[in-house]
PDB file of N, CA and C in Angstrom:
ATOM      1  N   MET A   1       7.963   2.779   0.948  1.00  0.00           N
ATOM      2  CA  MET A   1       7.759   1.301   0.964  1.00  0.00           C
ATOM      3  C   MET A   1       6.501   1.048   0.265  1.00  0.00           C
ATOM      4  N   SER A   2       6.438   0.047  -0.535  1.00  0.00           N
ATOM      5  CA  SER A   2       5.247  -0.348  -1.257  1.00  0.00           C
ATOM      6  C   SER A   2       5.083  -1.902  -1.345  1.00  0.00           C
ATOM      7  N   GLY A   3       3.932  -2.286  -1.690  1.00  0.00           N
ATOM      8  CA  GLY A   3       3.665  -3.718  -1.886  1.00  0.00           C
ATOM      9  C   GLY A   3       2.283  -4.066  -1.462  1.00  0.00           C
ATOM     10  N   ALA A   4       1.883  -5.332  -1.676  1.00  0.00           N
ATOM     11  CA  ALA A   4       0.544  -5.793  -1.348  1.00  0.00           C
ATOM     12  C   ALA A   4       0.520  -6.259   0.069  1.00  0.00           C
ATOM     13  N   LEU A   5       0.276  -5.426   0.957  1.00  0.00           N
ATOM     14  CA  LEU A   5       0.176  -5.810   2.465  1.00  0.00           C
ATOM     15  C   LEU A   5      -1.057  -5.237   2.968  1.00  0.00           C
ATOM     16  N   ALA A   6      -1.641  -5.958   3.952  1.00  0.00           N
ATOM     17  CA  ALA A   6      -2.734  -5.457   4.731  1.00  0.00           C
ATOM     18  C   ALA A   6      -2.302  -4.223   5.471  1.00  0.00           C
ATOM     19  N   GLU A   7      -3.195  -3.238   5.590  1.00  0.00           N
ATOM     20  CA  GLU A   7      -2.775  -2.043   6.311  1.00  0.00           C
ATOM     21  C   GLU A   7      -2.242  -2.295   7.686  1.00  0.00           C
ATOM     22  N   ARG A   8      -2.812  -3.143   8.476  1.00  0.00           N
ATOM     23  CA  ARG A   8      -2.334  -3.403   9.814  1.00  0.00           C
ATOM     24  C   ARG A   8      -0.941  -4.004   9.790  1.00  0.00           C
ATOM     25  N   VAL A   9      -0.719  -4.931   8.809  1.00  0.00           N
ATOM     26  CA  VAL A   9       0.669  -5.580   8.751  1.00  0.00           C
ATOM     27  C   VAL A   9       1.656  -4.527   8.352  1.00  0.00           C
ATOM     28  N   PHE A  10       1.272  -3.595   7.394  1.00  0.00           N
ATOM     29  CA  PHE A  10       2.255  -2.485   7.061  1.00  0.00           C
ATOM     30  C   PHE A  10       2.599  -1.680   8.222  1.00  0.00           C
ATOM     31  N   VAL A  11       1.592  -1.224   8.987  1.00  0.00           N
ATOM     32  CA  VAL A  11       1.857  -0.413  10.177  1.00  0.00           C
ATOM     33  C   VAL A  11       2.735  -1.171  11.177  1.00  0.00           C
ATOM     34  N   ASP A  12       2.385  -2.413  11.354  1.00  0.00           N
ATOM     35  CA  ASP A  12       3.172  -3.222  12.328  1.00  0.00           C
ATOM     36  C   ASP A  12       4.579  -3.373  11.905  1.00  0.00           C
ATOM     37  N   LYS A  13       4.871  -3.545  10.663  1.00  0.00           N
ATOM     38  CA  LYS A  13       6.156  -3.727  10.068  1.00  0.00           C
ATOM     39  C   LYS A  13       7.003  -2.385  10.378  1.00  0.00           C
ATOM     40  N   MET A  14       6.311  -1.269  10.073  1.00  0.00           N
ATOM     41  CA  MET A  14       6.979   0.049  10.327  1.00  0.00           C
ATOM     42  C   MET A  14       7.454   0.138  11.756  1.00  0.00           C
ATOM     43  N   THR A  15       6.515  -0.208  12.674  1.00  0.00           N
ATOM     44  CA  THR A  15       6.783  -0.102  14.113  1.00  0.00           C
ATOM     45  C   THR A  15       7.828  -1.081  14.500  1.00  0.00           C
ATOM     46  N   ASN A  16       7.748  -2.316  14.017  1.00  0.00           N
ATOM     47  CA  ASN A  16       8.815  -3.351  14.326  1.00  0.00           C
ATOM     48  C   ASN A  16      10.219  -2.940  13.934  1.00  0.00           C
ATOM     49  N   VAL A  17      10.363  -2.186  12.972  1.00  0.00           N
ATOM     50  CA  VAL A  17      11.754  -1.809  12.553  1.00  0.00           C
ATOM     51  C   VAL A  17      12.220  -0.489  13.119  1.00  0.00           C
ATOM     52  N   GLY A  18      11.378   0.030  14.091  1.00  0.00           N
ATOM     53  CA  GLY A  18      11.821   1.131  14.908  1.00  0.00           C
ATOM     54  C   GLY A  18      11.182   2.512  14.723  1.00  0.00           C
ATOM     55  N   PHE A  19      10.331   2.615  13.662  1.00  0.00           N
ATOM     56  CA  PHE A  19       9.676   3.912  13.474  1.00  0.00           C
ATOM     57  C   PHE A  19       8.648   4.110  14.563  1.00  0.00           C
ATOM     58  N   GLY A  20       8.527   5.383  14.944  1.00  0.00           N
ATOM     59  CA  GLY A  20       7.603   5.799  16.009  1.00  0.00           C
ATOM     60  C   GLY A  20       6.427   6.673  15.422  1.00  0.00           C
ATOM     61  N   ASP A  21       5.428   6.730  16.257  1.00  0.00           N
ATOM     62  CA  ASP A  21       4.277   7.663  15.850  1.00  0.00           C
ATOM     63  C   ASP A  21       3.708   7.259  14.473  1.00  0.00           C
ATOM     64  N   VAL A  22       3.675   6.004  14.154  1.00  0.00           N
ATOM     65  CA  VAL A  22       3.179   5.501  12.833  1.00  0.00           C
ATOM     66  C   VAL A  22       1.662   5.793  12.762  1.00  0.00           C
ATOM     67  N   GLU A  23       1.294   6.490  11.730  1.00  0.00           N
ATOM     68  CA  GLU A  23      -0.173   6.976  11.581  1.00  0.00           C
ATOM     69  C   GLU A  23      -0.564   6.895  10.193  1.00  0.00           C
ATOM     70  N   VAL A  24      -1.730   6.313   9.860  1.00  0.00           N
ATOM     71  CA  VAL A  24      -2.256   6.263   8.545  1.00  0.00           C
ATOM     72  C   VAL A  24      -3.002   7.649   8.336  1.00  0.00           C
ATOM     73  N   LEU A  25      -2.529   8.433   7.422  1.00  0.00           N
ATOM     74  CA  LEU A  25      -3.100   9.782   7.148  1.00  0.00           C
ATOM     75  C   LEU A  25      -4.216   9.737   6.079  1.00  0.00           C
ATOM     76  N   GLU A  26      -4.098   8.811   5.140  1.00  0.00           N
ATOM     77  CA  GLU A  26      -5.055   8.825   4.086  1.00  0.00           C
ATOM     78  C   GLU A  26      -5.246   7.431   3.565  1.00  0.00           C
ATOM     79  N   ARG A  27      -6.420   7.119   3.125  1.00  0.00           N
ATOM     80  CA  ARG A  27      -6.774   5.866   2.449  1.00  0.00           C
ATOM     81  C   ARG A  27      -7.479   6.287   1.095  1.00  0.00           C
ATOM     82  N   ARG A  28      -7.004   5.692   0.020  1.00  0.00           N
ATOM     83  CA  ARG A  28      -7.535   5.992  -1.303  1.00  0.00           C
ATOM     84  C   ARG A  28      -7.831   4.757  -2.033  1.00  0.00           C
ATOM     85  N   ARG A  29      -9.172   4.480  -2.268  1.00  0.00           N
ATOM     86  CA  ARG A  29      -9.535   3.263  -3.045  1.00  0.00           C
ATOM     87  C   ARG A  29      -9.263   3.539  -4.511  1.00  0.00           C
ATOM     88  N   PHE A  30      -8.888   2.480  -5.208  1.00  0.00           N
ATOM     89  CA  PHE A  30      -8.648   2.692  -6.659  1.00  0.00           C
ATOM     90  C   PHE A  30      -9.064   1.377  -7.438  1.00  0.00           C
ATOM     91  N   GLY A  31      -9.264   1.607  -8.734  1.00  0.00           N
ATOM     92  CA  GLY A  31      -9.746   0.538  -9.558  1.00  0.00           C
ATOM     93  C   GLY A  31      -8.635  -0.014 -10.466  1.00  0.00           C
ATOM     94  N   VAL A  32      -9.047  -0.831 -11.437  1.00  0.00           N
ATOM     95  CA  VAL A  32      -8.194  -1.542 -12.338  1.00  0.00           C
ATOM     96  C   VAL A  32      -7.410  -0.458 -13.176  1.00  0.00           C
ATOM     97  N   ASP A  33      -8.056   0.583 -13.677  1.00  0.00           N
ATOM     98  CA  ASP A  33      -7.436   1.582 -14.472  1.00  0.00           C
ATOM     99  C   ASP A  33      -6.324   2.288 -13.643  1.00  0.00           C
ATOM    100  N   ASP A  34      -6.583   2.545 -12.416  1.00  0.00           N
ATOM    101  CA  ASP A  34      -5.606   3.238 -11.525  1.00  0.00           C
ATOM    102  C   ASP A  34      -4.425   2.239 -11.260  1.00  0.00           C
ATOM    103  N   ALA A  35      -4.812   0.973 -10.982  1.00  0.00           N
ATOM    104  CA  ALA A  35      -3.775  -0.081 -10.730  1.00  0.00           C
ATOM    105  C   ALA A  35      -2.784  -0.244 -11.964  1.00  0.00           C
ATOM    106  N   ALA A  36      -3.250   0.033 -13.030  1.00  0.00           N
ATOM    107  CA  ALA A  36      -2.380  -0.151 -14.283  1.00  0.00           C
ATOM    108  C   ALA A  36      -1.188   0.836 -14.226  1.00  0.00           C
ATOM    109  N   SER A  37      -1.251   1.898 -13.435  1.00  0.00           N
ATOM    110  CA  SER A  37      -0.132   2.841 -13.379  1.00  0.00           C
ATOM    111  C   SER A  37       0.938   2.477 -12.339  1.00  0.00           C
ATOM    112  N   TYR A  38       0.636   1.402 -11.483  1.00  0.00           N
ATOM    113  CA  TYR A  38       1.609   0.947 -10.525  1.00  0.00           C
ATOM    114  C   TYR A  38       2.410  -0.116 -11.050  1.00  0.00           C
ATOM    115  N   PRO A  39       3.753  -0.156 -10.883  1.00  0.00           N
ATOM    116  CA  PRO A  39       4.607  -1.251 -11.356  1.00  0.00           C
ATOM    117  C   PRO A  39       4.270  -2.601 -10.687  1.00  0.00           C
ATOM    118  N   LEU A  40       3.667  -2.530  -9.490  1.00  0.00           N
ATOM    119  CA  LEU A  40       3.303  -3.730  -8.782  1.00  0.00           C
ATOM    120  C   LEU A  40       2.369  -4.567  -9.587  1.00  0.00           C
ATOM    121  N   PHE A  41       1.534  -3.950 -10.408  1.00  0.00           N
ATOM    122  CA  PHE A  41       0.513  -4.684 -11.145  1.00  0.00           C
ATOM    123  C   PHE A  41       0.999  -4.819 -12.622  1.00  0.00           C
ATOM    124  N   ALA A  42       1.539  -6.055 -12.898  1.00  0.00           N
ATOM    125  CA  ALA A  42       2.032  -6.315 -14.224  1.00  0.00           C
ATOM    126  C   ALA A  42       0.933  -6.295 -15.248  1.00  0.00           C
ATOM    127  N   PRO A  43       1.261  -6.015 -16.464  1.00  0.00           N
ATOM    128  CA  PRO A  43       0.200  -5.975 -17.585  1.00  0.00           C
ATOM    129  C   PRO A  43      -0.612  -7.226 -17.598  1.00  0.00           C
ATOM    130  N   GLU A  44       0.001  -8.372 -17.369  1.00  0.00           N
ATOM    131  CA  GLU A  44      -0.745  -9.682 -17.404  1.00  0.00           C
ATOM    132  C   GLU A  44      -1.797  -9.675 -16.193  1.00  0.00           C
ATOM    133  N   LEU A  45      -1.421  -9.149 -15.049  1.00  0.00           N
ATOM    134  CA  LEU A  45      -2.375  -9.079 -13.987  1.00  0.00           C
ATOM    135  C   LEU A  45      -3.510  -8.153 -14.297  1.00  0.00           C
ATOM    136  N   ILE A  46      -3.220  -6.992 -14.831  1.00  0.00           N
ATOM    137  CA  ILE A  46      -4.267  -6.033 -15.221  1.00  0.00           C
ATOM    138  C   ILE A  46      -5.214  -6.689 -16.162  1.00  0.00           C
ATOM    139  N   ALA A  47      -4.707  -7.429 -17.156  1.00  0.00           N
ATOM    140  CA  ALA A  47      -5.570  -8.090 -18.171  1.00  0.00           C
ATOM    141  C   ALA A  47      -6.395  -9.114 -17.567  1.00  0.00           C
ATOM    142  N   LEU A  48      -5.841  -9.857 -16.579  1.00  0.00           N
ATOM    143  CA  LEU A  48      -6.572 -10.863 -15.854  1.00  0.00           C
ATOM    144  C   LEU A  48      -7.722 -10.306 -14.992  1.00  0.00           C
ATOM    145  N   MET A  49      -7.456  -9.131 -14.317  1.00  0.00           N
ATOM    146  CA  MET A  49      -8.469  -8.513 -13.541  1.00  0.00           C
ATOM    147  C   MET A  49      -9.604  -7.987 -14.484  1.00  0.00           C
ATOM    148  N   ARG A  50      -9.250  -7.449 -15.585  1.00  0.00           N
ATOM    149  CA  ARG A  50     -10.305  -6.987 -16.560  1.00  0.00           C
ATOM    150  C   ARG A  50     -11.141  -8.114 -17.017  1.00  0.00           C
ATOM    151  N   ARG A  51     -10.534  -9.251 -17.170  1.00  0.00           N
ATOM    152  CA  ARG A  51     -11.342 -10.400 -17.730  1.00  0.00           C
ATOM    153  C   ARG A  51     -12.213 -11.031 -16.619  1.00  0.00           C
ATOM    154  N   LEU A  52     -11.699 -11.150 -15.420  1.00  0.00           N
ATOM    155  CA  LEU A  52     -12.343 -11.876 -14.338  1.00  0.00           C
ATOM    156  C   LEU A  52     -13.295 -11.037 -13.565  1.00  0.00           C
ATOM    157  N   LEU A  53     -13.031  -9.731 -13.370  1.00  0.00           N
ATOM    158  CA  LEU A  53     -13.937  -8.926 -12.516  1.00  0.00           C
ATOM    159  C   LEU A  53     -15.069  -8.350 -13.343  1.00  0.00           C
ATOM    160  N   THR A  54     -16.228  -8.281 -12.757  1.00  0.00           N
ATOM    161  CA  THR A  54     -17.378  -7.618 -13.373  1.00  0.00           C
ATOM    162  C   THR A  54     -17.020  -6.136 -13.553  1.00  0.00           C
ATOM    163  N   PRO A  55     -17.577  -5.474 -14.500  1.00  0.00           N
ATOM    164  CA  PRO A  55     -17.375  -4.008 -14.704  1.00  0.00           C
ATOM    165  C   PRO A  55     -17.654  -3.246 -13.401  1.00  0.00           C
ATOM    166  N   GLU A  56     -18.658  -3.643 -12.671  1.00  0.00           N
ATOM    167  CA  GLU A  56     -18.982  -2.882 -11.473  1.00  0.00           C
ATOM    168  C   GLU A  56     -17.896  -3.041 -10.450  1.00  0.00           C
ATOM    169  N   ARG A  57     -17.208  -4.168 -10.416  1.00  0.00           N
ATOM    170  CA  ARG A  57     -16.188  -4.423  -9.345  1.00  0.00           C
ATOM    171  C   ARG A  57     -14.769  -3.807  -9.740  1.00  0.00           C
ATOM    172  N   GLN A  58     -14.655  -3.531 -11.050  1.00  0.00           N
ATOM    173  CA  GLN A  58     -13.355  -3.059 -11.513  1.00  0.00           C
ATOM    174  C   GLN A  58     -13.001  -1.643 -11.044  1.00  0.00           C
ATOM    175  N   SER A  59     -13.983  -0.890 -10.501  1.00  0.00           N
ATOM    176  CA  SER A  59     -13.607   0.462 -10.003  1.00  0.00           C
ATOM    177  C   SER A  59     -13.142   0.415  -8.574  1.00  0.00           C
ATOM    178  N   ASP A  60     -13.056  -0.773  -7.927  1.00  0.00           N
ATOM    179  CA  ASP A  60     -12.683  -0.776  -6.501  1.00  0.00           C
ATOM    180  C   ASP A  60     -11.973  -2.061  -6.209  1.00  0.00           C
ATOM    181  N   VAL A  61     -10.682  -2.119  -6.555  1.00  0.00           N
ATOM    182  CA  VAL A  61      -9.815  -3.322  -6.348  1.00  0.00           C
ATOM    183  C   VAL A  61      -8.717  -3.288  -5.307  1.00  0.00           C
ATOM    184  N   ALA A  62      -8.394  -2.064  -4.859  1.00  0.00           N
ATOM    185  CA  ALA A  62      -7.311  -1.995  -3.897  1.00  0.00           C
ATOM    186  C   ALA A  62      -7.415  -0.624  -3.149  1.00  0.00           C
ATOM    187  N   VAL A  63      -6.611  -0.480  -2.158  1.00  0.00           N
ATOM    188  CA  VAL A  63      -6.542   0.712  -1.339  1.00  0.00           C
ATOM    189  C   VAL A  63      -5.046   1.162  -1.256  1.00  0.00           C
ATOM    190  N   ALA A  64      -4.788   2.416  -1.496  1.00  0.00           N
ATOM    191  CA  ALA A  64      -3.446   2.972  -1.304  1.00  0.00           C
ATOM    192  C   ALA A  64      -3.525   3.800   0.083  1.00  0.00           C
ATOM    193  N   VAL A  65      -2.500   3.632   0.874  1.00  0.00           N
ATOM    194  CA  VAL A  65      -2.488   4.386   2.159  1.00  0.00           C
ATOM    195  C   VAL A  65      -1.280   5.311   2.160  1.00  0.00           C
ATOM    196  N   THR A  66      -1.476   6.494   2.720  1.00  0.00           N
ATOM    197  CA  THR A  66      -0.422   7.398   2.963  1.00  0.00           C
ATOM    198  C   THR A  66      -0.098   7.325   4.493  1.00  0.00           C
ATOM    199  N   VAL A  67       1.141   7.013   4.894  1.00  0.00           N
ATOM    200  CA  VAL A  67       1.432   6.811   6.234  1.00  0.00           C
ATOM    201  C   VAL A  67       2.575   7.839   6.694  1.00  0.00           C
ATOM    202  N   SER A  68       2.398   8.355   7.900  1.00  0.00           N
ATOM    203  CA  SER A  68       3.377   9.250   8.534  1.00  0.00           C
ATOM    204  C   SER A  68       4.069   8.452   9.633  1.00  0.00           C
ATOM    205  N   ALA A  69       5.357   8.594   9.814  1.00  0.00           N
ATOM    206  CA  ALA A  69       6.086   7.928  10.890  1.00  0.00           C
ATOM    207  C   ALA A  69       7.284   8.788  11.266  1.00  0.00           C
ATOM    208  N   ARG A  70       7.704   8.657  12.495  1.00  0.00           N
ATOM    209  CA  ARG A  70       8.834   9.390  13.012  1.00  0.00           C
ATOM    210  C   ARG A  70      10.101   8.516  12.920  1.00  0.00           C
ATOM    211  N   LYS A  71      11.120   9.027  12.292  1.00  0.00           N
ATOM    212  CA  LYS A  71      12.380   8.305  12.190  1.00  0.00           C
ATOM    213  C   LYS A  71      13.011   8.157  13.529  1.00  0.00           C
ATOM    214  N   PRO A  72      13.520   7.022  13.859  1.00  0.00           N
ATOM    215  CA  PRO A  72      14.159   6.842  15.175  1.00  0.00           C
ATOM    216  C   PRO A  72      15.411   7.672  15.311  1.00  0.00           C
ATOM    217  N   SER A  73      15.659   8.225  16.532  1.00  0.00           N
ATOM    218  CA  SER A  73      16.873   8.946  16.678  1.00  0.00           C
ATOM    219  C   SER A  73      18.120   8.032  16.817  1.00  0.00           C
ATOM    220  N   ILE A  74      19.206   8.508  16.341  1.00  0.00           N
ATOM    221  CA  ILE A  74      20.520   7.724  16.454  1.00  0.00           C
ATOM    222  C   ILE A  74      21.181   8.219  17.568  1.00  0.00           C
ATOM    223  N   THR A  75      21.515   7.322  18.530  1.00  0.00           N
ATOM    224  CA  THR A  75      22.236   7.684  19.754  1.00  0.00           C
ATOM    225  C   THR A  75      23.665   7.223  19.635  1.00  0.00           C
ATOM    226  N   ALA A  76      24.615   7.955  20.171  1.00  0.00           N
ATOM    227  CA  ALA A  76      26.010   7.560  20.084  1.00  0.00           C
ATOM    228  C   ALA A  76      26.237   6.370  21.017  1.00  0.00           C
ATOM    229  N   VAL A  77      27.102   5.450  20.495  1.00  0.00           N
ATOM    230  CA  VAL A  77      27.418   4.260  21.299  1.00  0.00           C
ATOM    231  C   VAL A  77      28.671   4.664  22.092  1.00  0.00           C
ATOM    232  N   GLN A  78      28.600   4.415  23.384  1.00  0.00           N
ATOM    233  CA  GLN A  78      29.727   4.732  24.226  1.00  0.00           C
ATOM    234  C   GLN A  78      30.465   3.457  24.653  1.00  0.00           C
TER     235      GLN A  78
END
């Protein structure tokens, strides 16, 4: 699953749909150059970020998280 969500919202959504033991394993900050490799960031958005953000700020624009979760077990309906 991917998208622009706050970490807590992402974890809550995973829990709300039935996943268990949801845990954030890793957080990786990345910059505009890194963001350009993600389909979520359209070329127009990358260009806008390069134009509006100071060079110092361009190296830290988002965080990627790696999440572990347990798939819910399927029980037979009787």
